[in-house]
Amino acid sequence: MVRGDKQTPAHERYATRLRLGYQRCEAQYQELSEVREPILFVMTEGVRAANEIADYLH
């Protein structure tokens, strides 16, 4: 994980956290899909980082 360098794409700076969050969301989805649909919420420092992470996750 590269921290602090705003030139590094957000999905690379937060790769570990994104991977863990996605894995947890996937596990919750399997557990709760019959009751409700779990979502993965990612808060970023700005629109650019949000768009980078959204593109990465799609």
PDB file of N, CA and C in Angstrom:
ATOM      1  N   MET A   1       0.852  -1.177   0.000  1.00  0.00           N
ATOM      2  CA  MET A   1       0.000   0.000   0.000  1.00  0.00           C
ATOM      3  C   MET A   1       0.896   1.237   0.000  1.00  0.00           C
ATOM      4  N   VAL A   2       0.621   2.142  -0.895  1.00  0.00           N
ATOM      5  CA  VAL A   2       1.343   3.408  -0.975  1.00  0.00           C
ATOM      6  C   VAL A   2       0.480   4.459  -0.299  1.00  0.00           C
ATOM      7  N   ARG A   3       1.025   5.117   0.712  1.00  0.00           N
ATOM      8  CA  ARG A   3       0.230   6.094   1.457  1.00  0.00           C
ATOM      9  C   ARG A   3       0.760   7.496   1.232  1.00  0.00           C
ATOM     10  N   GLY A   4      -0.141   8.455   1.191  1.00  0.00           N
ATOM     11  CA  GLY A   4       0.228   9.848   1.187  1.00  0.00           C
ATOM     12  C   GLY A   4       0.485  10.453  -0.172  1.00  0.00           C
ATOM     13  N   ASP A   5       0.788   9.664  -1.185  1.00  0.00           N
ATOM     14  CA  ASP A   5       1.079  10.205  -2.504  1.00  0.00           C
ATOM     15  C   ASP A   5      -0.220  10.311  -3.293  1.00  0.00           C
ATOM     16  N   LYS A   6      -0.709  11.524  -3.461  1.00  0.00           N
ATOM     17  CA  LYS A   6      -1.989  11.745  -4.139  1.00  0.00           C
ATOM     18  C   LYS A   6      -1.915  11.410  -5.627  1.00  0.00           C
ATOM     19  N   GLN A   7      -0.707  11.295  -6.176  1.00  0.00           N
ATOM     20  CA  GLN A   7      -0.554  10.942  -7.586  1.00  0.00           C
ATOM     21  C   GLN A   7      -0.797   9.453  -7.822  1.00  0.00           C
ATOM     22  N   THR A   8      -0.628   8.653  -6.783  1.00  0.00           N
ATOM     23  CA  THR A   8      -0.889   7.225  -6.878  1.00  0.00           C
ATOM     24  C   THR A   8      -2.399   7.020  -6.888  1.00  0.00           C
ATOM     25  N   PRO A   9      -2.923   6.228  -7.833  1.00  0.00           N
ATOM     26  CA  PRO A   9      -4.377   6.003  -7.876  1.00  0.00           C
ATOM     27  C   PRO A   9      -4.913   5.498  -6.537  1.00  0.00           C
ATOM     28  N   ALA A  10      -6.105   5.947  -6.194  1.00  0.00           N
ATOM     29  CA  ALA A  10      -6.709   5.626  -4.903  1.00  0.00           C
ATOM     30  C   ALA A  10      -6.848   4.123  -4.701  1.00  0.00           C
ATOM     31  N   HIS A  11      -7.174   3.381  -5.757  1.00  0.00           N
ATOM     32  CA  HIS A  11      -7.347   1.938  -5.580  1.00  0.00           C
ATOM     33  C   HIS A  11      -6.028   1.252  -5.250  1.00  0.00           C
ATOM     34  N   GLU A  12      -4.899   1.865  -5.596  1.00  0.00           N
ATOM     35  CA  GLU A  12      -3.602   1.314  -5.202  1.00  0.00           C
ATOM     36  C   GLU A  12      -3.238   1.733  -3.782  1.00  0.00           C
ATOM     37  N   ARG A  13      -3.561   2.974  -3.421  1.00  0.00           N
ATOM     38  CA  ARG A  13      -3.254   3.453  -2.060  1.00  0.00           C
ATOM     39  C   ARG A  13      -4.022   2.661  -1.015  1.00  0.00           C
ATOM     40  N   TYR A  14      -5.230   2.281  -1.334  1.00  0.00           N
ATOM     41  CA  TYR A  14      -6.096   1.616  -0.359  1.00  0.00           C
ATOM     42  C   TYR A  14      -6.390   0.167  -0.740  1.00  0.00           C
ATOM     43  N   ALA A  15      -5.502  -0.467  -1.480  1.00  0.00           N
ATOM     44  CA  ALA A  15      -5.728  -1.815  -2.008  1.00  0.00           C
ATOM     45  C   ALA A  15      -6.065  -2.825  -0.919  1.00  0.00           C
ATOM     46  N   THR A  16      -5.332  -2.816   0.175  1.00  0.00           N
ATOM     47  CA  THR A  16      -5.566  -3.781   1.242  1.00  0.00           C
ATOM     48  C   THR A  16      -6.950  -3.589   1.857  1.00  0.00           C
ATOM     49  N   ARG A  17      -7.292  -2.366   2.143  1.00  0.00           N
ATOM     50  CA  ARG A  17      -8.601  -2.088   2.749  1.00  0.00           C
ATOM     51  C   ARG A  17      -9.745  -2.425   1.797  1.00  0.00           C
ATOM     52  N   LEU A  18      -9.571  -2.101   0.525  1.00  0.00           N
ATOM     53  CA  LEU A  18     -10.607  -2.420  -0.451  1.00  0.00           C
ATOM     54  C   LEU A  18     -10.796  -3.927  -0.585  1.00  0.00           C
ATOM     55  N   ARG A  19      -9.695  -4.649  -0.625  1.00  0.00           N
ATOM     56  CA  ARG A  19      -9.758  -6.107  -0.757  1.00  0.00           C
ATOM     57  C   ARG A  19     -10.487  -6.726   0.445  1.00  0.00           C
ATOM     58  N   LEU A  20     -10.104  -6.294   1.641  1.00  0.00           N
ATOM     59  CA  LEU A  20     -10.743  -6.831   2.847  1.00  0.00           C
ATOM     60  C   LEU A  20     -12.221  -6.458   2.920  1.00  0.00           C
ATOM     61  N   GLY A  21     -12.528  -5.217   2.586  1.00  0.00           N
ATOM     62  CA  GLY A  21     -13.918  -4.776   2.597  1.00  0.00           C
ATOM     63  C   GLY A  21     -14.759  -5.531   1.590  1.00  0.00           C
ATOM     64  N   TYR A  22     -14.200  -5.763   0.408  1.00  0.00           N
ATOM     65  CA  TYR A  22     -14.926  -6.504  -0.620  1.00  0.00           C
ATOM     66  C   TYR A  22     -15.156  -7.946  -0.190  1.00  0.00           C
ATOM     67  N   GLN A  23     -14.139  -8.561   0.387  1.00  0.00           N
ATOM     68  CA  GLN A  23     -14.280  -9.939   0.855  1.00  0.00           C
ATOM     69  C   GLN A  23     -15.348 -10.039   1.940  1.00  0.00           C
ATOM     70  N   ARG A  24     -15.352  -9.092   2.842  1.00  0.00           N
ATOM     71  CA  ARG A  24     -16.349  -9.110   3.907  1.00  0.00           C
ATOM     72  C   ARG A  24     -17.757  -8.880   3.355  1.00  0.00           C
ATOM     73  N   CYS A  25     -17.875  -7.960   2.415  1.00  0.00           N
ATOM     74  CA  CYS A  25     -19.170  -7.692   1.798  1.00  0.00           C
ATOM     75  C   CYS A  25     -19.661  -8.932   1.053  1.00  0.00           C
ATOM     76  N   GLU A  26     -18.770  -9.604   0.373  1.00  0.00           N
ATOM     77  CA  GLU A  26     -19.130 -10.820  -0.346  1.00  0.00           C
ATOM     78  C   GLU A  26     -19.634 -11.904   0.616  1.00  0.00           C
ATOM     79  N   ALA A  27     -18.954 -12.061   1.748  1.00  0.00           N
ATOM     80  CA  ALA A  27     -19.379 -13.043   2.757  1.00  0.00           C
ATOM     81  C   ALA A  27     -20.747 -12.667   3.324  1.00  0.00           C
ATOM     82  N   GLN A  28     -20.936 -11.391   3.624  1.00  0.00           N
ATOM     83  CA  GLN A  28     -22.226 -10.934   4.150  1.00  0.00           C
ATOM     84  C   GLN A  28     -23.332 -11.121   3.120  1.00  0.00           C
ATOM     85  N   TYR A  29     -22.998 -10.899   1.856  1.00  0.00           N
ATOM     86  CA  TYR A  29     -23.982 -11.071   0.795  1.00  0.00           C
ATOM     87  C   TYR A  29     -24.484 -12.510   0.771  1.00  0.00           C
ATOM     88  N   GLN A  30     -23.558 -13.450   0.877  1.00  0.00           N
ATOM     89  CA  GLN A  30     -23.938 -14.860   0.867  1.00  0.00           C
ATOM     90  C   GLN A  30     -24.807 -15.206   2.081  1.00  0.00           C
ATOM     91  N   GLU A  31     -24.492 -14.604   3.219  1.00  0.00           N
ATOM     92  CA  GLU A  31     -25.262 -14.869   4.441  1.00  0.00           C
ATOM     93  C   GLU A  31     -26.641 -14.227   4.430  1.00  0.00           C
ATOM     94  N   LEU A  32     -26.704 -12.974   3.948  1.00  0.00           N
ATOM     95  CA  LEU A  32     -27.922 -12.180   4.112  1.00  0.00           C
ATOM     96  C   LEU A  32     -28.733 -11.961   2.842  1.00  0.00           C
ATOM     97  N   SER A  33     -28.326 -12.529   1.730  1.00  0.00           N
ATOM     98  CA  SER A  33     -28.983 -12.226   0.460  1.00  0.00           C
ATOM     99  C   SER A  33     -30.470 -12.577   0.442  1.00  0.00           C
ATOM    100  N   GLU A  34     -30.875 -13.526   1.237  1.00  0.00           N
ATOM    101  CA  GLU A  34     -32.293 -13.881   1.283  1.00  0.00           C
ATOM    102  C   GLU A  34     -33.110 -12.884   2.100  1.00  0.00           C
ATOM    103  N   VAL A  35     -32.456 -12.161   3.011  1.00  0.00           N
ATOM    104  CA  VAL A  35     -33.154 -11.227   3.882  1.00  0.00           C
ATOM    105  C   VAL A  35     -33.081  -9.803   3.341  1.00  0.00           C
ATOM    106  N   ARG A  36     -31.877  -9.387   2.955  1.00  0.00           N
ATOM    107  CA  ARG A  36     -31.663  -8.045   2.393  1.00  0.00           C
ATOM    108  C   ARG A  36     -30.365  -8.049   1.591  1.00  0.00           C
ATOM    109  N   GLU A  37     -30.141  -6.989   0.854  1.00  0.00           N
ATOM    110  CA  GLU A  37     -28.944  -6.923   0.018  1.00  0.00           C
ATOM    111  C   GLU A  37     -27.883  -6.045   0.687  1.00  0.00           C
ATOM    112  N   PRO A  38     -26.803  -6.650   1.152  1.00  0.00           N
ATOM    113  CA  PRO A  38     -25.718  -5.866   1.755  1.00  0.00           C
ATOM    114  C   PRO A  38     -25.051  -4.978   0.705  1.00  0.00           C
ATOM    115  N   ILE A  39     -24.554  -3.835   1.135  1.00  0.00           N
ATOM    116  CA  ILE A  39     -23.848  -2.944   0.225  1.00  0.00           C
ATOM    117  C   ILE A  39     -22.454  -2.670   0.767  1.00  0.00           C
ATOM    118  N   LEU A  40     -21.564  -2.299  -0.122  1.00  0.00           N
ATOM    119  CA  LEU A  40     -20.208  -1.898   0.258  1.00  0.00           C
ATOM    120  C   LEU A  40     -20.140  -0.386   0.131  1.00  0.00           C
ATOM    121  N   PHE A  41     -19.924   0.290   1.237  1.00  0.00           N
ATOM    122  CA  PHE A  41     -19.824   1.754   1.262  1.00  0.00           C
ATOM    123  C   PHE A  41     -18.362   2.121   1.429  1.00  0.00           C
ATOM    124  N   VAL A  42     -17.859   2.951   0.528  1.00  0.00           N
ATOM    125  CA  VAL A  42     -16.466   3.400   0.588  1.00  0.00           C
ATOM    126  C   VAL A  42     -16.461   4.919   0.650  1.00  0.00           C
ATOM    127  N   MET A  43     -15.886   5.471   1.706  1.00  0.00           N
ATOM    128  CA  MET A  43     -15.762   6.917   1.822  1.00  0.00           C
ATOM    129  C   MET A  43     -14.356   7.322   1.404  1.00  0.00           C
ATOM    130  N   THR A  44     -14.260   8.321   0.561  1.00  0.00           N
ATOM    131  CA  THR A  44     -12.955   8.768   0.060  1.00  0.00           C
ATOM    132  C   THR A  44     -12.721  10.235   0.392  1.00  0.00           C
ATOM    133  N   GLU A  45     -11.496  10.687   0.096  1.00  0.00           N
ATOM    134  CA  GLU A  45     -11.150  12.075   0.389  1.00  0.00           C
ATOM    135  C   GLU A  45     -11.649  13.046  -0.668  1.00  0.00           C
ATOM    136  N   GLY A  46     -12.143  12.547  -1.775  1.00  0.00           N
ATOM    137  CA  GLY A  46     -12.647  13.440  -2.816  1.00  0.00           C
ATOM    138  C   GLY A  46     -13.266  12.681  -3.970  1.00  0.00           C
ATOM    139  N   VAL A  47     -13.817  13.450  -4.915  1.00  0.00           N
ATOM    140  CA  VAL A  47     -14.512  12.869  -6.056  1.00  0.00           C
ATOM    141  C   VAL A  47     -13.566  12.065  -6.938  1.00  0.00           C
ATOM    142  N   ARG A  48     -12.375  12.568  -7.160  1.00  0.00           N
ATOM    143  CA  ARG A  48     -11.410  11.869  -8.014  1.00  0.00           C
ATOM    144  C   ARG A  48     -11.109  10.471  -7.460  1.00  0.00           C
ATOM    145  N   ALA A  49     -10.832  10.391  -6.174  1.00  0.00           N
ATOM    146  CA  ALA A  49     -10.544   9.100  -5.541  1.00  0.00           C
ATOM    147  C   ALA A  49     -11.776   8.195  -5.604  1.00  0.00           C
ATOM    148  N   ALA A  50     -12.950   8.752  -5.404  1.00  0.00           N
ATOM    149  CA  ALA A  50     -14.183   7.963  -5.466  1.00  0.00           C
ATOM    150  C   ALA A  50     -14.369   7.375  -6.858  1.00  0.00           C
ATOM    151  N   ASN A  51     -14.135   8.170  -7.880  1.00  0.00           N
ATOM    152  CA  ASN A  51     -14.273   7.686  -9.248  1.00  0.00           C
ATOM    153  C   ASN A  51     -13.249   6.609  -9.570  1.00  0.00           C
ATOM    154  N   GLU A  52     -12.022   6.789  -9.107  1.00  0.00           N
ATOM    155  CA  GLU A  52     -10.971   5.781  -9.331  1.00  0.00           C
ATOM    156  C   GLU A  52     -11.361   4.454  -8.682  1.00  0.00           C
ATOM    157  N   ILE A  53     -11.847   4.516  -7.467  1.00  0.00           N
ATOM    158  CA  ILE A  53     -12.220   3.285  -6.749  1.00  0.00           C
ATOM    159  C   ILE A  53     -13.457   2.649  -7.390  1.00  0.00           C
ATOM    160  N   ALA A  54     -14.423   3.459  -7.793  1.00  0.00           N
ATOM    161  CA  ALA A  54     -15.620   2.928  -8.456  1.00  0.00           C
ATOM    162  C   ALA A  54     -15.243   2.206  -9.750  1.00  0.00           C
ATOM    163  N   ASP A  55     -14.365   2.809 -10.536  1.00  0.00           N
ATOM    164  CA  ASP A  55     -13.913   2.179 -11.772  1.00  0.00           C
ATOM    165  C   ASP A  55     -13.196   0.871 -11.483  1.00  0.00           C
ATOM    166  N   TYR A  56     -12.390   0.861 -10.454  1.00  0.00           N
ATOM    167  CA  TYR A  56     -11.637  -0.343 -10.069  1.00  0.00           C
ATOM    168  C   TYR A  56     -12.581  -1.471  -9.641  1.00  0.00           C
ATOM    169  N   LEU A  57     -13.608  -1.141  -8.859  1.00  0.00           N
ATOM    170  CA  LEU A  57     -14.515  -2.160  -8.352  1.00  0.00           C
ATOM    171  C   LEU A  57     -15.473  -2.686  -9.428  1.00  0.00           C
ATOM    172  N   HIS A  58     -15.756  -1.867 -10.433  1.00  0.00           N
ATOM    173  CA  HIS A  58     -16.632  -2.347 -11.514  1.00  0.00           C
ATOM    174  C   HIS A  58     -15.869  -3.298 -12.371  1.00  0.00           C
TER     175      HIS A  58
END
